[in-house]
Amino acid sequence: MTATLAHIWRHPVKGLGSEAVTASAVTAHAPLPGDRAWALAHGGAEDTDAWQRRRNFLVVAYGPRLAQITAQSHADGTLTLTHPDQPKLTFAPETDGAALIDWVRPLWPTQHSAPARLVKAPPEGMADNGLAQVSINSLSSLKALSEQIGHTLDPRRFRGNLWIDGWTPWQEFDLIGQTITIGDIRLKITDRIERCRATEANPDTGGRDIDPPRALLDRWGHKDFGVSATILDSGTLSVGDPVGLL
């Protein structure tokens, strides 16, 4: 079976909404455009616009109801966020950070430090590893994990960028250090991704209902799902692109 790019996802505000796209321009040695371009810092975070650790922001790992947010980017730079328990919000991140803070406050657990400031990501983005990379995940591995848990897992739990259909389960781990192609774009796979409590949150209900990291550890002896990769070429990635190995 020929492997193909099945899904492209970006997350305009780190931890606050998933957005599916059918194609994306990419730049060598940069994150996926529009992915984690912003992050909402809480009151305990550093007052800096540099990269910061995940714990400094509002993220699903600490606020599972955030998993229900969907995002839509607009050509004028505004974003629209939706949540089943909130009115739709359209705002300009450059100027309307206060509107986002007011909107998300009811969704954020009160035992955690309150949202305080919308931060623009540095050029390398605001991914958890602090590198200008994308995450690649396998639908076959997702199926294997779903079968282990006895529950069909929604890809949104993993907040990944690129999803591949047609690899054998866990084949992505064997590709560490190798270069793959997606369409005309080369990507070098560098590391496995260790998963956290964010994957426990159901993106439909906003509740913690299963424990994927525990299932991974019990069955396979690790908490890893998906891999990180560096984009080596500028161009366009499109759903349906063939995936190859150099």
C-alpha atoms as a PDB file:
ATOM      1  CA  MET A   1       0.000   0.000   0.000  1.00  0.00           C
ATOM      2  CA  THR A   2       1.347   3.429  -0.952  1.00  0.00           C
ATOM      3  CA  ALA A   3       1.602   5.739   2.026  1.00  0.00           C
ATOM      4  CA  THR A   4      -0.049   9.152   1.673  1.00  0.00           C
ATOM      5  CA  LEU A   5      -0.533  12.325   3.659  1.00  0.00           C
ATOM      6  CA  ALA A   6      -4.027  11.885   5.112  1.00  0.00           C
ATOM      7  CA  HIS A   7      -4.464  14.980   7.303  1.00  0.00           C
ATOM      8  CA  ILE A   8      -2.840  18.347   7.975  1.00  0.00           C
ATOM      9  CA  TRP A   9      -3.642  20.048  11.283  1.00  0.00           C
ATOM     10  CA  ARG A  10      -2.501  23.322  12.760  1.00  0.00           C
ATOM     11  CA  HIS A  11      -3.206  24.904  16.134  1.00  0.00           C
ATOM     12  CA  PRO A  12      -3.099  28.708  15.781  1.00  0.00           C
ATOM     13  CA  VAL A  13      -3.085  29.339  19.530  1.00  0.00           C
ATOM     14  CA  LYS A  14      -1.149  26.712  21.454  1.00  0.00           C
ATOM     15  CA  GLY A  15      -3.570  24.555  23.424  1.00  0.00           C
ATOM     16  CA  LEU A  16      -6.642  26.431  22.185  1.00  0.00           C
ATOM     17  CA  GLY A  17      -8.164  24.808  19.142  1.00  0.00           C
ATOM     18  CA  SER A  18      -7.430  22.489  16.237  1.00  0.00           C
ATOM     19  CA  GLU A  19      -7.791  23.466  12.590  1.00  0.00           C
ATOM     20  CA  ALA A  20      -7.748  21.014   9.669  1.00  0.00           C
ATOM     21  CA  VAL A  21      -6.456  22.253   6.305  1.00  0.00           C
ATOM     22  CA  THR A  22      -6.140  20.516   2.946  1.00  0.00           C
ATOM     23  CA  ALA A  23      -2.868  22.180   1.960  1.00  0.00           C
ATOM     24  CA  SER A  24      -0.170  24.314   3.531  1.00  0.00           C
ATOM     25  CA  ALA A  25       2.786  26.229   2.207  1.00  0.00           C
ATOM     26  CA  VAL A  26       5.927  25.318   4.155  1.00  0.00           C
ATOM     27  CA  THR A  27       9.360  26.845   4.565  1.00  0.00           C
ATOM     28  CA  ALA A  28      12.577  24.945   5.146  1.00  0.00           C
ATOM     29  CA  HIS A  29      13.678  24.799   8.784  1.00  0.00           C
ATOM     30  CA  ALA A  30      10.477  26.448  10.018  1.00  0.00           C
ATOM     31  CA  PRO A  31       7.365  25.180  11.783  1.00  0.00           C
ATOM     32  CA  LEU A  32       4.105  24.624   9.925  1.00  0.00           C
ATOM     33  CA  PRO A  33       2.784  28.114   9.113  1.00  0.00           C
ATOM     34  CA  GLY A  34       0.120  29.214  11.566  1.00  0.00           C
ATOM     35  CA  ASP A  35       0.816  26.372  13.997  1.00  0.00           C
ATOM     36  CA  ARG A  36       1.353  27.513  17.607  1.00  0.00           C
ATOM     37  CA  ALA A  37       1.829  31.021  16.257  1.00  0.00           C
ATOM     38  CA  TRP A  38       0.387  32.310  19.531  1.00  0.00           C
ATOM     39  CA  ALA A  39       0.201  31.040  23.093  1.00  0.00           C
ATOM     40  CA  LEU A  40      -1.849  32.219  26.058  1.00  0.00           C
ATOM     41  CA  ALA A  41       0.384  32.662  29.090  1.00  0.00           C
ATOM     42  CA  HIS A  42      -1.010  32.411  32.598  1.00  0.00           C
ATOM     43  CA  GLY A  43      -0.141  34.652  35.504  1.00  0.00           C
ATOM     44  CA  GLY A  44       2.736  32.482  36.644  1.00  0.00           C
ATOM     45  CA  ALA A  45       4.595  32.607  33.322  1.00  0.00           C
ATOM     46  CA  GLU A  46       7.710  34.600  32.534  1.00  0.00           C
ATOM     47  CA  ASP A  47       7.174  38.065  31.076  1.00  0.00           C
ATOM     48  CA  THR A  48       9.011  37.359  27.831  1.00  0.00           C
ATOM     49  CA  ASP A  49       8.213  36.827  24.171  1.00  0.00           C
ATOM     50  CA  ALA A  50      10.855  34.123  23.859  1.00  0.00           C
ATOM     51  CA  TRP A  51      10.062  30.418  23.734  1.00  0.00           C
ATOM     52  CA  GLN A  52       8.722  29.073  27.021  1.00  0.00           C
ATOM     53  CA  ARG A  53       7.882  25.659  28.379  1.00  0.00           C
ATOM     54  CA  ARG A  54       4.383  24.233  28.026  1.00  0.00           C
ATOM     55  CA  ARG A  55       3.674  24.641  31.734  1.00  0.00           C
ATOM     56  CA  ASN A  56       3.651  28.446  31.306  1.00  0.00           C
ATOM     57  CA  PHE A  57       0.604  28.403  29.029  1.00  0.00           C
ATOM     58  CA  LEU A  58      -3.034  27.386  28.989  1.00  0.00           C
ATOM     59  CA  VAL A  59      -2.862  23.882  27.517  1.00  0.00           C
ATOM     60  CA  VAL A  60      -5.092  20.811  27.360  1.00  0.00           C
ATOM     61  CA  ALA A  61      -2.875  18.859  29.761  1.00  0.00           C
ATOM     62  CA  TYR A  62      -4.060  21.149  32.583  1.00  0.00           C
ATOM     63  CA  GLY A  63      -7.442  22.202  31.209  1.00  0.00           C
ATOM     64  CA  PRO A  64      -9.180  19.322  29.414  1.00  0.00           C
ATOM     65  CA  ARG A  65     -12.161  21.437  28.313  1.00  0.00           C
ATOM     66  CA  LEU A  66      -9.781  23.290  26.004  1.00  0.00           C
ATOM     67  CA  ALA A  67      -9.704  20.128  23.859  1.00  0.00           C
ATOM     68  CA  GLN A  68     -13.203  20.981  22.579  1.00  0.00           C
ATOM     69  CA  ILE A  69     -12.091  24.225  20.952  1.00  0.00           C
ATOM     70  CA  THR A  70     -11.938  24.374  17.168  1.00  0.00           C
ATOM     71  CA  ALA A  71     -10.115  27.095  15.260  1.00  0.00           C
ATOM     72  CA  GLN A  72     -10.453  28.781  11.895  1.00  0.00           C
ATOM     73  CA  SER A  73      -7.868  31.147  10.429  1.00  0.00           C
ATOM     74  CA  HIS A  74      -8.910  33.993   8.120  1.00  0.00           C
ATOM     75  CA  ALA A  75      -7.026  35.799   5.368  1.00  0.00           C
ATOM     76  CA  ASP A  76      -7.124  39.077   7.294  1.00  0.00           C
ATOM     77  CA  GLY A  77      -5.206  37.529  10.205  1.00  0.00           C
ATOM     78  CA  THR A  78      -8.186  37.105  12.505  1.00  0.00           C
ATOM     79  CA  LEU A  79      -9.065  33.817  14.155  1.00  0.00           C
ATOM     80  CA  THR A  80     -12.431  32.304  15.006  1.00  0.00           C
ATOM     81  CA  LEU A  81     -12.668  29.935  17.958  1.00  0.00           C
ATOM     82  CA  THR A  82     -15.693  27.818  18.800  1.00  0.00           C
ATOM     83  CA  HIS A  83     -16.603  25.775  21.874  1.00  0.00           C
ATOM     84  CA  PRO A  84     -19.924  24.090  22.688  1.00  0.00           C
ATOM     85  CA  ASP A  85     -20.263  26.049  25.934  1.00  0.00           C
ATOM     86  CA  GLN A  86     -19.188  29.459  24.632  1.00  0.00           C
ATOM     87  CA  PRO A  87     -20.369  31.894  21.952  1.00  0.00           C
ATOM     88  CA  LYS A  88     -18.217  31.971  18.834  1.00  0.00           C
ATOM     89  CA  LEU A  89     -15.264  34.340  19.143  1.00  0.00           C
ATOM     90  CA  THR A  90     -13.594  36.108  16.216  1.00  0.00           C
ATOM     91  CA  PHE A  91     -10.605  38.210  17.236  1.00  0.00           C
ATOM     92  CA  ALA A  92      -7.339  39.684  15.976  1.00  0.00           C
ATOM     93  CA  PRO A  93      -4.468  38.163  17.968  1.00  0.00           C
ATOM     94  CA  GLU A  94      -2.266  41.218  17.424  1.00  0.00           C
ATOM     95  CA  THR A  95      -4.700  43.515  19.233  1.00  0.00           C
ATOM     96  CA  ASP A  96      -7.493  41.516  20.907  1.00  0.00           C
ATOM     97  CA  GLY A  97      -5.697  39.369  23.453  1.00  0.00           C
ATOM     98  CA  ALA A  98      -8.026  40.621  26.185  1.00  0.00           C
ATOM     99  CA  ALA A  99     -11.046  39.317  24.272  1.00  0.00           C
ATOM    100  CA  LEU A 100      -9.508  35.856  24.122  1.00  0.00           C
ATOM    101  CA  ILE A 101      -8.690  35.927  27.832  1.00  0.00           C
ATOM    102  CA  ASP A 102     -12.288  36.806  28.720  1.00  0.00           C
ATOM    103  CA  TRP A 103     -13.634  34.135  26.380  1.00  0.00           C
ATOM    104  CA  VAL A 104     -11.456  31.283  27.627  1.00  0.00           C
ATOM    105  CA  ARG A 105     -11.605  32.087  31.331  1.00  0.00           C
ATOM    106  CA  PRO A 106     -14.765  29.983  32.018  1.00  0.00           C
ATOM    107  CA  LEU A 107     -13.101  26.965  30.366  1.00  0.00           C
ATOM    108  CA  TRP A 108      -9.933  27.102  32.467  1.00  0.00           C
ATOM    109  CA  PRO A 109      -9.822  25.335  35.878  1.00  0.00           C
ATOM    110  CA  THR A 110      -9.859  27.862  38.695  1.00  0.00           C
ATOM    111  CA  GLN A 111      -7.187  25.971  40.655  1.00  0.00           C
ATOM    112  CA  HIS A 112      -4.636  26.976  38.024  1.00  0.00           C
ATOM    113  CA  SER A 113      -3.131  30.415  37.535  1.00  0.00           C
ATOM    114  CA  ALA A 114      -5.495  32.604  35.490  1.00  0.00           C
ATOM    115  CA  PRO A 115      -4.878  33.536  31.830  1.00  0.00           C
ATOM    116  CA  ALA A 116      -2.853  36.730  31.638  1.00  0.00           C
ATOM    117  CA  ARG A 117      -1.233  37.537  28.275  1.00  0.00           C
ATOM    118  CA  LEU A 118      -1.394  36.414  24.654  1.00  0.00           C
ATOM    119  CA  VAL A 119       2.175  35.814  23.473  1.00  0.00           C
ATOM    120  CA  LYS A 120       3.330  35.842  19.850  1.00  0.00           C
ATOM    121  CA  ALA A 121       5.581  32.882  19.134  1.00  0.00           C
ATOM    122  CA  PRO A 122       9.222  33.427  18.158  1.00  0.00           C
ATOM    123  CA  PRO A 123      10.332  32.350  14.651  1.00  0.00           C
ATOM    124  CA  GLU A 124      10.930  28.772  15.787  1.00  0.00           C
ATOM    125  CA  GLY A 125       7.328  28.527  16.960  1.00  0.00           C
ATOM    126  CA  MET A 126       6.025  27.470  20.356  1.00  0.00           C
ATOM    127  CA  ALA A 127       6.159  23.680  20.074  1.00  0.00           C
ATOM    128  CA  ASP A 128       6.830  21.760  23.272  1.00  0.00           C
ATOM    129  CA  ASN A 129      10.385  20.858  22.229  1.00  0.00           C
ATOM    130  CA  GLY A 130      11.316  24.449  21.381  1.00  0.00           C
ATOM    131  CA  LEU A 131      12.423  23.532  17.855  1.00  0.00           C
ATOM    132  CA  ALA A 132      11.229  24.694  14.438  1.00  0.00           C
ATOM    133  CA  GLN A 133       9.742  21.333  13.513  1.00  0.00           C
ATOM    134  CA  VAL A 134       6.503  19.545  12.665  1.00  0.00           C
ATOM    135  CA  SER A 135       5.030  16.447  14.265  1.00  0.00           C
ATOM    136  CA  ILE A 136       4.241  13.391  12.161  1.00  0.00           C
ATOM    137  CA  ASN A 137       1.816  10.699  13.272  1.00  0.00           C
ATOM    138  CA  SER A 138       0.629   7.411  11.797  1.00  0.00           C
ATOM    139  CA  LEU A 139      -2.992   6.357  11.420  1.00  0.00           C
ATOM    140  CA  SER A 140      -1.886   2.719  11.617  1.00  0.00           C
ATOM    141  CA  SER A 141      -0.246   3.339  14.984  1.00  0.00           C
ATOM    142  CA  LEU A 142      -3.381   5.166  16.113  1.00  0.00           C
ATOM    143  CA  LYS A 143      -5.444   2.104  15.181  1.00  0.00           C
ATOM    144  CA  ALA A 144      -3.071  -0.186  17.083  1.00  0.00           C
ATOM    145  CA  LEU A 145      -3.299   1.988  20.188  1.00  0.00           C
ATOM    146  CA  SER A 146      -7.080   2.224  19.845  1.00  0.00           C
ATOM    147  CA  GLU A 147      -7.319  -1.566  19.732  1.00  0.00           C
ATOM    148  CA  GLN A 148      -5.117  -1.850  22.819  1.00  0.00           C
ATOM    149  CA  ILE A 149      -7.345   0.576  24.734  1.00  0.00           C
ATOM    150  CA  GLY A 150     -10.640  -0.719  23.322  1.00  0.00           C
ATOM    151  CA  HIS A 151     -11.665   2.782  22.279  1.00  0.00           C
ATOM    152  CA  THR A 152     -11.446   4.534  18.905  1.00  0.00           C
ATOM    153  CA  LEU A 153      -9.067   7.436  19.433  1.00  0.00           C
ATOM    154  CA  ASP A 154      -9.673  10.782  17.765  1.00  0.00           C
ATOM    155  CA  PRO A 155      -6.459  12.109  16.131  1.00  0.00           C
ATOM    156  CA  ARG A 156      -7.156  15.494  17.730  1.00  0.00           C
ATOM    157  CA  ARG A 157      -6.083  14.085  21.089  1.00  0.00           C
ATOM    158  CA  PHE A 158      -2.487  14.133  19.873  1.00  0.00           C
ATOM    159  CA  ARG A 159      -2.503  17.668  18.431  1.00  0.00           C
ATOM    160  CA  GLY A 160      -0.210  16.577  15.601  1.00  0.00           C
ATOM    161  CA  ASN A 161       0.509  18.330  12.305  1.00  0.00           C
ATOM    162  CA  LEU A 162       0.830  15.596   9.674  1.00  0.00           C
ATOM    163  CA  TRP A 163      -0.942  12.229   9.674  1.00  0.00           C
ATOM    164  CA  ILE A 164       0.279   9.434   7.407  1.00  0.00           C
ATOM    165  CA  ASP A 165      -1.927   6.642   6.080  1.00  0.00           C
ATOM    166  CA  GLY A 166      -0.317   3.467   4.790  1.00  0.00           C
ATOM    167  CA  TRP A 167       2.642   2.910   7.102  1.00  0.00           C
ATOM    168  CA  THR A 168       2.756  -0.243   9.205  1.00  0.00           C
ATOM    169  CA  PRO A 169       2.095   0.325  12.923  1.00  0.00           C
ATOM    170  CA  TRP A 170       5.025   2.070  14.612  1.00  0.00           C
ATOM    171  CA  GLN A 171       7.030   2.226  11.356  1.00  0.00           C
ATOM    172  CA  GLU A 172       7.658   5.899  12.113  1.00  0.00           C
ATOM    173  CA  PHE A 173       9.951   4.928  15.008  1.00  0.00           C
ATOM    174  CA  ASP A 174      12.167   2.966  12.604  1.00  0.00           C
ATOM    175  CA  LEU A 175      12.615   6.130  10.518  1.00  0.00           C
ATOM    176  CA  ILE A 176      14.430   8.164  13.184  1.00  0.00           C
ATOM    177  CA  GLY A 177      17.449   9.772  11.536  1.00  0.00           C
ATOM    178  CA  GLN A 178      16.127   9.147   8.027  1.00  0.00           C
ATOM    179  CA  THR A 179      14.684  11.506   5.441  1.00  0.00           C
ATOM    180  CA  ILE A 180      11.232  11.010   3.964  1.00  0.00           C
ATOM    181  CA  THR A 181       9.427  12.803   1.172  1.00  0.00           C
ATOM    182  CA  ILE A 182       5.855  14.064   1.205  1.00  0.00           C
ATOM    183  CA  GLY A 183       5.122  15.130  -2.327  1.00  0.00           C
ATOM    184  CA  ASP A 184       8.150  17.206  -3.325  1.00  0.00           C
ATOM    185  CA  ILE A 185       9.064  18.135   0.250  1.00  0.00           C
ATOM    186  CA  ARG A 186      11.858  16.398   2.165  1.00  0.00           C
ATOM    187  CA  LEU A 187      11.584  16.023   5.941  1.00  0.00           C
ATOM    188  CA  LYS A 188      14.171  14.576   8.299  1.00  0.00           C
ATOM    189  CA  ILE A 189      12.725  12.596  11.187  1.00  0.00           C
ATOM    190  CA  THR A 190      14.671  13.299  14.364  1.00  0.00           C
ATOM    191  CA  ASP A 191      12.954  12.135  17.557  1.00  0.00           C
ATOM    192  CA  ARG A 192      10.052  10.252  19.094  1.00  0.00           C
ATOM    193  CA  ILE A 193       7.416  12.274  20.952  1.00  0.00           C
ATOM    194  CA  GLU A 194       6.619  11.355  24.549  1.00  0.00           C
ATOM    195  CA  ARG A 195       2.954  11.909  25.374  1.00  0.00           C
ATOM    196  CA  CYS A 196       1.372  13.614  28.367  1.00  0.00           C
ATOM    197  CA  ARG A 197      -2.049  14.050  29.977  1.00  0.00           C
ATOM    198  CA  ALA A 198      -3.325  16.142  27.068  1.00  0.00           C
ATOM    199  CA  THR A 199      -4.171  12.898  25.258  1.00  0.00           C
ATOM    200  CA  GLU A 200      -6.543  11.900  28.082  1.00  0.00           C
ATOM    201  CA  ALA A 201      -8.984  14.676  27.112  1.00  0.00           C
ATOM    202  CA  ASN A 202     -11.865  13.747  24.823  1.00  0.00           C
ATOM    203  CA  PRO A 203     -12.155  16.493  22.150  1.00  0.00           C
ATOM    204  CA  ASP A 204     -15.915  15.934  21.933  1.00  0.00           C
ATOM    205  CA  THR A 205     -16.767  16.009  25.645  1.00  0.00           C
ATOM    206  CA  GLY A 206     -13.858  17.894  27.227  1.00  0.00           C
ATOM    207  CA  GLY A 207     -13.529  15.243  29.912  1.00  0.00           C
ATOM    208  CA  ARG A 208     -10.662  12.916  30.754  1.00  0.00           C
ATOM    209  CA  ASP A 209     -11.918   9.469  29.839  1.00  0.00           C
ATOM    210  CA  ILE A 210      -8.928   7.252  28.937  1.00  0.00           C
ATOM    211  CA  ASP A 211      -5.174   7.181  29.534  1.00  0.00           C
ATOM    212  CA  PRO A 212      -3.197   6.683  26.282  1.00  0.00           C
ATOM    213  CA  PRO A 213       0.252   7.165  27.894  1.00  0.00           C
ATOM    214  CA  ARG A 214      -0.523   4.411  30.396  1.00  0.00           C
ATOM    215  CA  ALA A 215      -1.746   2.130  27.614  1.00  0.00           C
ATOM    216  CA  LEU A 216       1.437   2.780  25.647  1.00  0.00           C
ATOM    217  CA  LEU A 217       3.581   2.057  28.695  1.00  0.00           C
ATOM    218  CA  ASP A 218       1.694  -1.119  29.634  1.00  0.00           C
ATOM    219  CA  ARG A 219       1.736  -2.615  26.125  1.00  0.00           C
ATOM    220  CA  TRP A 220       4.914  -1.252  24.519  1.00  0.00           C
ATOM    221  CA  GLY A 221       7.059  -0.095  27.432  1.00  0.00           C
ATOM    222  CA  HIS A 222       7.146   3.615  26.570  1.00  0.00           C
ATOM    223  CA  LYS A 223       4.864   6.668  26.332  1.00  0.00           C
ATOM    224  CA  ASP A 224       5.850   7.649  22.792  1.00  0.00           C
ATOM    225  CA  PHE A 225       3.459   8.379  19.952  1.00  0.00           C
ATOM    226  CA  GLY A 226       4.479  10.170  16.772  1.00  0.00           C
ATOM    227  CA  VAL A 227       7.788  11.710  15.729  1.00  0.00           C
ATOM    228  CA  SER A 228       9.285  15.153  15.232  1.00  0.00           C
ATOM    229  CA  ALA A 229      10.675  16.167  11.855  1.00  0.00           C
ATOM    230  CA  THR A 230      12.548  19.071  10.305  1.00  0.00           C
ATOM    231  CA  ILE A 231      11.255  20.389   6.974  1.00  0.00           C
ATOM    232  CA  LEU A 232      14.161  20.556   4.519  1.00  0.00           C
ATOM    233  CA  ASP A 233      12.488  22.205   1.509  1.00  0.00           C
ATOM    234  CA  SER A 234      10.146  25.102   0.887  1.00  0.00           C
ATOM    235  CA  GLY A 235       7.011  24.387  -1.102  1.00  0.00           C
ATOM    236  CA  THR A 236       3.503  23.066  -0.482  1.00  0.00           C
ATOM    237  CA  LEU A 237       2.174  20.042   1.381  1.00  0.00           C
ATOM    238  CA  SER A 238      -1.236  18.772   0.300  1.00  0.00           C
ATOM    239  CA  VAL A 239      -3.562  16.061   1.573  1.00  0.00           C
ATOM    240  CA  GLY A 240      -3.157  13.080  -0.734  1.00  0.00           C
ATOM    241  CA  ASP A 241       0.547  13.653  -1.402  1.00  0.00           C
ATOM    242  CA  PRO A 242       2.507  10.377  -1.667  1.00  0.00           C
ATOM    243  CA  VAL A 243       4.977   9.618   1.117  1.00  0.00           C
ATOM    244  CA  GLY A 244       8.342   8.078   0.269  1.00  0.00           C
ATOM    245  CA  LEU A 245      11.729   7.313   1.805  1.00  0.00           C
ATOM    246  CA  LEU A 246      15.073   8.582   0.516  1.00  0.00           C
END
